[in-house]
Protein backbone atom coordinates (compact mmCIF):
# COMPACT_ATOMS: atom_id res chain seq x y z
CA MET A 1 -27.48 3.35 -29.26
CA GLY A 2 -30.85 2.07 -29.08
CA ALA A 3 -29.84 -0.69 -26.83
CA ASN A 4 -27.58 1.49 -24.66
CA HIS A 5 -30.32 3.84 -24.12
CA SER A 6 -32.86 0.50 -23.17
CA ALA A 7 -29.92 -0.85 -20.85
CA GLU A 8 -29.73 2.33 -19.35
CA SER A 9 -33.29 3.35 -18.74
CA SER A 10 -33.85 -0.39 -17.28
CA ALA A 11 -31.18 0.30 -14.61
CA LEU A 12 -31.94 3.73 -13.78
CA GLU A 13 -35.75 2.17 -13.03
CA ALA A 14 -34.37 -0.52 -10.87
CA LEU A 15 -32.69 1.95 -8.78
CA ALA A 16 -35.83 4.30 -8.69
CA LYS A 17 -37.69 1.43 -7.35
CA LEU A 18 -34.78 0.76 -4.58
CA ARG A 19 -34.54 4.52 -3.57
CA GLY A 20 -38.54 4.57 -3.72
CA ALA A 21 -38.20 8.05 -6.00
CA PRO A 22 -37.20 8.39 -9.60
CA CYS A 23 -33.12 8.78 -9.73
CA PRO A 24 -31.98 12.37 -10.62
CA ALA A 25 -32.14 13.47 -13.78
CA PHE A 26 -28.47 14.31 -15.05
CA SER A 27 -29.22 17.19 -17.72
CA PRO A 28 -26.71 18.26 -20.82
CA GLY A 29 -24.57 20.87 -19.66
CA GLU A 30 -24.46 19.61 -15.58
CA VAL A 31 -21.40 18.92 -13.92
CA TRP A 32 -21.66 16.28 -11.14
CA LEU A 33 -18.80 15.81 -8.29
CA VAL A 34 -19.65 11.92 -7.29
CA GLY A 35 -18.20 10.39 -4.26
CA ALA A 36 -17.33 6.54 -5.43
CA GLY A 37 -16.68 5.40 -1.79
CA PRO A 38 -13.78 3.63 -0.35
CA GLY A 39 -12.83 0.96 -3.16
CA ASP A 40 -15.66 -1.59 -2.47
CA PRO A 41 -18.02 -1.59 -5.17
CA GLY A 42 -20.68 -2.67 -2.81
CA LEU A 43 -20.06 0.58 -0.91
CA LEU A 44 -21.42 2.72 -3.81
CA THR A 45 -24.47 4.95 -3.30
CA LEU A 46 -27.66 4.25 -5.69
CA ASP A 47 -27.37 7.86 -6.97
CA ALA A 48 -23.45 7.46 -7.78
CA LEU A 49 -24.59 4.64 -9.81
CA ALA A 50 -27.34 6.43 -11.25
CA ALA A 51 -24.96 9.28 -12.46
CA ILE A 52 -22.17 6.64 -14.04
CA LEU A 53 -25.15 5.57 -15.79
CA GLN A 54 -26.23 8.44 -17.32
CA ALA A 55 -22.72 10.60 -17.77
CA ASP A 56 -21.51 11.45 -21.33
CA VAL A 57 -17.87 12.28 -20.16
CA ILE A 58 -16.86 10.79 -16.71
CA LEU A 59 -13.22 12.32 -15.04
CA TYR A 60 -12.14 9.59 -12.97
CA ASP A 61 -9.27 9.45 -9.88
CA ALA A 62 -6.41 6.74 -9.77
CA LEU A 63 -8.29 5.32 -6.59
CA VAL A 64 -12.04 4.46 -8.64
CA ASN A 65 -12.17 1.20 -8.43
CA SER A 66 -12.17 0.26 -12.11
CA THR A 67 -15.11 -2.18 -12.22
CA LEU A 68 -17.34 1.03 -11.56
CA LEU A 69 -16.45 2.43 -15.09
CA ASP A 70 -17.64 -0.97 -16.75
CA ARG A 71 -21.35 0.38 -15.55
CA ALA A 72 -20.69 3.36 -17.83
CA ARG A 73 -22.24 3.76 -21.05
CA GLU A 74 -20.26 2.05 -23.98
CA ASP A 75 -20.03 5.23 -25.91
CA ALA A 76 -19.00 7.28 -22.71
CA GLU A 77 -15.87 9.07 -22.66
CA LYS A 78 -13.55 8.25 -20.05
CA VAL A 79 -11.08 10.59 -18.86
CA PHE A 80 -8.01 9.70 -16.32
CA VAL A 81 -7.24 12.76 -14.34
CA GLY A 82 -5.76 10.85 -11.09
CA LYS A 83 -3.32 12.13 -8.71
CA ARG A 84 -0.84 10.01 -6.73
CA GLY A 85 1.70 11.11 -4.20
CA GLY A 86 5.27 11.12 -6.20
CA GLN A 87 4.11 10.36 -9.65
CA PRO A 88 3.09 12.52 -12.34
CA SER A 89 -0.23 14.06 -11.71
CA THR A 90 -2.88 15.83 -13.63
CA SER A 91 -2.54 19.29 -12.31
CA GLN A 92 -6.16 20.83 -10.70
CA GLU A 93 -6.07 23.85 -13.08
CA THR A 94 -6.37 21.25 -16.35
CA ILE A 95 -8.89 19.52 -14.65
CA ASN A 96 -11.21 22.49 -13.91
CA GLU A 97 -10.72 23.50 -17.49
CA LEU A 98 -11.72 19.50 -18.48
CA LEU A 99 -14.64 20.02 -16.71
CA LEU A 100 -16.05 23.50 -18.17
CA LYS A 101 -14.86 22.46 -21.85
CA SER A 102 -16.88 19.75 -21.37
CA ALA A 103 -19.86 20.88 -20.00
CA ALA A 104 -19.89 23.89 -22.48
CA ARG A 105 -20.16 21.49 -25.66
CA GLY A 106 -23.67 19.87 -23.55
CA LYS A 107 -22.13 16.65 -22.19
CA ARG A 108 -23.30 15.13 -18.94
CA VAL A 109 -19.79 15.63 -16.86
CA LEU A 110 -19.23 13.49 -14.26
CA ARG A 111 -16.30 13.76 -12.41
CA LEU A 112 -15.57 10.94 -10.24
CA LYS A 113 -13.42 10.75 -6.92
CA SER A 114 -12.60 8.32 -4.37
CA GLY A 115 -14.31 8.46 -0.94
CA ASP A 116 -16.22 11.56 -1.01
CA PRO A 117 -15.65 14.36 -2.87
CA PHE A 118 -15.57 17.26 -0.39
CA LEU A 119 -13.42 15.46 1.89
CA PHE A 120 -9.25 15.69 0.71
CA ALA A 121 -10.56 15.39 -2.89
CA ARG A 122 -10.54 19.25 -4.15
CA GLY A 123 -14.22 18.96 -4.77
CA GLY A 124 -15.07 22.39 -3.02
CA GLU A 125 -12.00 24.15 -5.45
CA GLU A 126 -13.62 22.57 -8.48
CA MET A 127 -17.34 23.39 -7.42
CA LEU A 128 -16.17 27.08 -7.20
CA ALA A 129 -14.67 27.22 -10.83
CA LEU A 130 -17.92 25.66 -11.90
CA ALA A 131 -20.05 28.39 -10.08
CA ALA A 132 -17.95 31.03 -11.39
CA ALA A 133 -18.46 29.97 -14.86
CA GLY A 134 -21.78 29.63 -14.12
CA ILE A 135 -22.20 25.92 -14.72
CA PRO A 136 -24.63 23.77 -12.76
CA CYS A 137 -22.99 21.21 -10.39
CA ARG A 138 -24.72 18.36 -8.11
CA VAL A 139 -22.78 16.78 -5.10
CA ILE A 140 -23.46 13.12 -4.59
CA PRO A 141 -21.74 12.12 -1.30
CA GLY A 142 -19.86 9.36 -1.02
CA ILE A 143 -18.75 7.15 2.25
CA THR A 144 -15.03 8.89 3.23
CA SER A 145 -12.25 5.61 3.69
CA GLY A 146 -11.19 7.11 6.65
CA LEU A 147 -14.33 6.08 8.45
CA ALA A 148 -14.66 2.95 6.09
CA ALA A 149 -11.32 1.69 6.94
CA LEU A 150 -11.81 1.99 10.63
CA ALA A 151 -15.10 -0.11 10.27
CA CYS A 152 -13.68 -2.27 8.26
CA ALA A 153 -10.49 -2.72 11.20
CA ALA A 154 -13.35 -2.96 13.82
CA ILE A 155 -11.87 0.38 15.66
CA PRO A 156 -15.05 2.45 16.47
CA ALA A 157 -14.44 5.79 15.05
CA THR A 158 -16.40 6.83 18.25
CA LEU A 159 -16.82 5.00 21.45
CA ARG A 160 -18.62 6.07 24.57
CA LYS A 161 -16.02 6.79 27.79
CA VAL A 162 -13.28 6.89 25.35
CA ASN A 163 -13.91 9.95 23.24
CA GLN A 164 -16.36 12.34 21.73
CA ALA A 165 -14.70 13.37 18.91
CA VAL A 166 -12.56 12.43 16.07
CA VAL A 167 -10.19 14.30 14.16
CA LEU A 168 -9.59 13.54 10.12
CA ALA A 169 -6.61 15.19 9.00
CA THR A 170 -4.03 14.98 5.59
CA GLY A 171 -1.07 13.15 6.26
CA HIS A 172 0.92 15.46 3.59
CA ALA A 173 3.91 17.01 4.68
CA ALA A 174 2.39 19.01 7.45
CA ASP A 175 4.27 22.33 8.75
CA GLU A 176 4.84 22.75 12.95
CA GLN A 177 1.54 24.51 13.27
CA GLU A 178 -0.48 21.60 12.04
CA ALA A 179 1.80 19.10 13.96
CA SER A 180 1.03 21.46 17.49
CA ASN A 181 -2.41 20.89 16.45
CA TRP A 182 -2.25 17.47 16.26
CA VAL A 183 -0.37 16.95 19.48
CA GLU A 184 -3.12 19.02 21.50
CA PHE A 185 -5.60 16.61 19.92
CA ALA A 186 -3.86 13.94 21.23
CA LYS A 187 -3.54 15.00 24.56
CA ARG A 188 -7.14 15.57 25.19
CA GLY A 189 -7.88 12.33 24.22
CA VAL A 190 -9.28 12.94 20.63
CA PRO A 191 -8.20 9.95 17.83
CA ILE A 192 -6.77 11.42 14.52
CA VAL A 193 -7.28 9.47 11.33
CA PHE A 194 -4.44 10.77 8.81
CA TYR A 195 -5.36 9.99 5.07
CA MET A 196 -2.82 9.48 2.75
CA GLY A 197 -0.26 9.10 6.02
CA LEU A 198 1.94 5.94 5.11
CA ARG A 199 4.29 7.93 3.21
CA ASN A 200 4.89 10.06 6.08
CA LEU A 201 4.27 7.90 8.59
CA GLN A 202 7.64 8.10 10.37
CA SER A 203 7.66 12.01 10.27
CA ILE A 204 3.89 12.20 11.49
CA LEU A 205 4.45 9.84 14.58
CA THR A 206 7.59 11.44 15.55
CA LYS A 207 6.48 14.40 15.79
CA LEU A 208 3.49 13.74 18.04
CA ILE A 209 6.05 11.75 20.44
CA ASP A 210 8.08 14.82 20.02
CA GLY A 211 5.25 17.07 21.29
CA GLY A 212 4.80 14.80 24.51
CA ILE A 213 2.64 11.94 23.37
CA PRO A 214 3.10 8.89 24.88
CA ALA A 215 5.11 6.49 22.75
CA THR A 216 3.10 3.39 23.88
CA LEU A 217 -0.11 5.09 22.08
CA PRO A 218 -1.88 2.35 20.34
CA ALA A 219 -1.91 3.47 16.64
CA ALA A 220 -2.87 1.41 13.10
CA VAL A 221 -2.38 1.36 9.40
CA ILE A 222 -5.22 0.18 7.14
CA ALA A 223 -4.00 -0.53 3.61
CA SER A 224 -6.11 -1.03 0.74
CA ALA A 225 -9.45 -0.61 2.99
CA THR A 226 -12.37 -2.57 2.41
CA LEU A 227 -10.46 -4.18 -0.81
CA PRO A 228 -10.01 -8.18 -0.87
CA GLU A 229 -6.02 -7.32 -0.19
CA GLN A 230 -6.87 -5.49 3.01
CA ASP A 231 -3.94 -5.29 5.39
CA ILE A 232 -3.65 -3.74 8.94
CA VAL A 233 -0.98 -3.37 11.33
CA VAL A 234 -1.88 -2.35 14.86
CA SER A 235 1.20 -1.33 17.06
CA THR A 236 2.22 1.74 18.89
CA LEU A 237 3.50 5.32 17.77
CA SER A 238 6.93 4.17 18.32
CA ASP A 239 6.68 1.06 16.60
CA LEU A 240 4.26 1.00 14.28
CA PRO A 241 6.84 2.60 11.41
CA ALA A 242 9.01 0.01 11.46
CA GLU A 243 6.36 -2.62 11.67
CA ALA A 244 4.47 -1.58 8.77
CA SER A 245 7.33 -1.64 6.85
CA ALA A 246 8.31 -5.05 7.92
CA ALA A 247 4.80 -5.94 6.33
CA HIS A 248 5.47 -4.23 3.26
CA LEU A 249 1.91 -2.16 3.34
CA HIS A 250 1.43 -0.18 0.06
CA GLY A 251 -1.36 2.91 -0.20
CA PRO A 252 -3.68 3.64 -0.43
CA ALA A 253 -3.46 3.59 3.45
CA VAL A 254 -5.25 4.91 6.59
CA VAL A 255 -3.26 5.75 9.80
CA VAL A 256 -4.96 5.88 13.14
CA VAL A 257 -3.91 7.12 16.67
CA GLY A 258 -5.69 7.21 19.59
CA GLU A 259 -7.16 4.76 22.69
CA ILE A 260 -9.85 3.53 19.93
CA VAL A 261 -7.17 1.24 18.31
CA ARG A 262 -7.44 -0.76 21.41
CA VAL A 263 -10.57 -1.67 21.40
CA ARG A 264 -10.17 -3.62 18.50
CA SER A 265 -8.60 -6.15 20.32
CA ASP A 266 -11.91 -6.97 22.37
CA LEU A 267 -13.93 -6.64 19.56
CA LEU A 268 -12.09 -9.66 17.49
CA LYS A 269 -11.93 -11.86 20.70
CA LEU A 270 -15.74 -11.39 21.26
CA ALA A 271 -16.41 -12.29 17.72
CA SER A 272 -14.01 -14.96 17.62
CA ASP A 273 -15.33 -16.36 21.13
CA LEU A 274 -19.35 -16.16 19.48
CA GLN A 275 -18.03 -18.06 16.29
CA ASN A 276 -15.97 -21.03 18.59
CA ARG A 277 -19.69 -21.24 20.86
CA ALA A 278 -21.36 -21.13 17.49
CA ALA A 279 -19.48 -23.92 15.98
CA ALA A 280 -19.81 -26.01 19.30
CA GLY A 281 -23.75 -25.73 19.16
CA ILE A 282 -23.94 -23.22 21.80
CA THR A 283 -26.81 -20.92 21.59
CA PRO A 284 -25.27 -17.39 22.13
CA GLU A 285 -26.57 -15.45 24.94
CA LEU A 286 -27.87 -11.97 24.51
CA LEU A 287 -25.06 -9.49 25.36
CA CYS A 288 -25.12 -6.24 26.14
CA VAL A 289 -22.31 -3.84 25.94
CA ASP A 290 -22.45 -0.40 26.97
CA CYS A 291 -20.36 1.46 24.15
C-alpha cells in the first residue's frame, strides 16, 4: 500500500508540473465522470489521468483503451459496465446504482467513458442521478471521437467557404422526424457526423437520398479512429454501404456526410507533394492556404 501511495504521489506531482497547478483532489465519496478520449492513450487529458491514478473504483466502458486501466492503482476495483449494440449490456439503472452505492461506501468513484462524458455517453443522466442523491460530482471533458476521427482522416470539421456549422448525430435507429432533420441540414450544406453509424449505414444514407440529397454527395466511414488499426473508406452516399462492406469495416466507426469529405483528397495530395519535395532535397516554399 505504501509503495502504491508513493507511486501515485510521484505521478500526480509530475502531472501538476505539466499543468502548472496541483491536480484536482479526488475526495472520498465523490464521483467523477471522465472522458477517456477517442481511443489513443496519447489523447487522454492530464486531469483524466490524475483521476485514474487516484480512483478507488473505476466503472469503465467497452471502448475505453485497456492500457488506461493499467495506470490505475493495483488495489483499485475495476468494474466493466460497457454497452455495445446488439450485445448483452449493463443497464443504465444498474450503472447508476453502482455509482451511488460505491460513493456511499466512501470510495473515490471514477466513471470512465470513451470520448466525452456528455456526448452520446449518458453522462447527463448519471449526473442527474448523482445530484438527486446528493453525491458530489465532477466532470472531466474528453476529446470526442467524432471530431478526432475527422482530424485523423484529414477531413476538416469546418472549412471557410464550405461550411459554417457541423452536426453531431447518433447513428442508432432514427424516426422519420430525425431523418427529416438530417435532410434539412444536408440541404443547407451542413456536414453531418454520425456516431455509431456503421450498423445502420444503409438506412441512414437511403433516408438522405430519399429526402432529396444527391446520391453523389461525398461520404466516408472512419473505423477505429486514432488507433493503429484505423481504416477509412471514402465514397458517395449511394456507393458507401457496398464499399464499406467490401472493406470489412468493424465498429466503432464514425460516418461523415458532406462536402468537407471532398477536401481530404486535396490535403493528402498536398502532403504527398511536400514529402516528395523533401525527399528530393527541395526546400518547401511557404504555403498560404485560404481556409
